[in-house]
């Protein structure tokens, strides 16, 4: 459950960073 959670958070952060 930790791996998917980290991936989800990282994806959100990457999206914010990209914008």
Protein backbone atom coordinates (compact mmCIF):
# COMPACT_ATOMS: atom_id res chain seq x y z
CA UNK A 1 0.00 0.00 0.00
CA UNK A 2 2.99 2.31 0.48
CA UNK A 3 4.43 1.95 -3.03
CA UNK A 4 1.18 2.91 -4.82
CA UNK A 5 0.61 5.76 -2.40
CA UNK A 6 4.08 7.17 -3.02
CA UNK A 7 3.59 6.83 -6.77
CA UNK A 8 0.29 8.68 -6.57
CA UNK A 9 1.77 11.50 -4.49
CA UNK A 10 4.82 11.72 -6.75
CA UNK A 11 2.57 11.88 -9.81
CA UNK A 12 0.59 14.73 -8.26
CA UNK A 13 3.78 16.60 -7.36
CA UNK A 14 5.24 16.06 -10.82
CA UNK A 15 2.03 17.40 -12.37
CA UNK A 16 2.17 20.53 -10.19
CA UNK A 17 5.86 20.99 -10.95
CA UNK A 18 5.22 20.62 -14.69
CA UNK A 19 2.47 23.23 -14.72
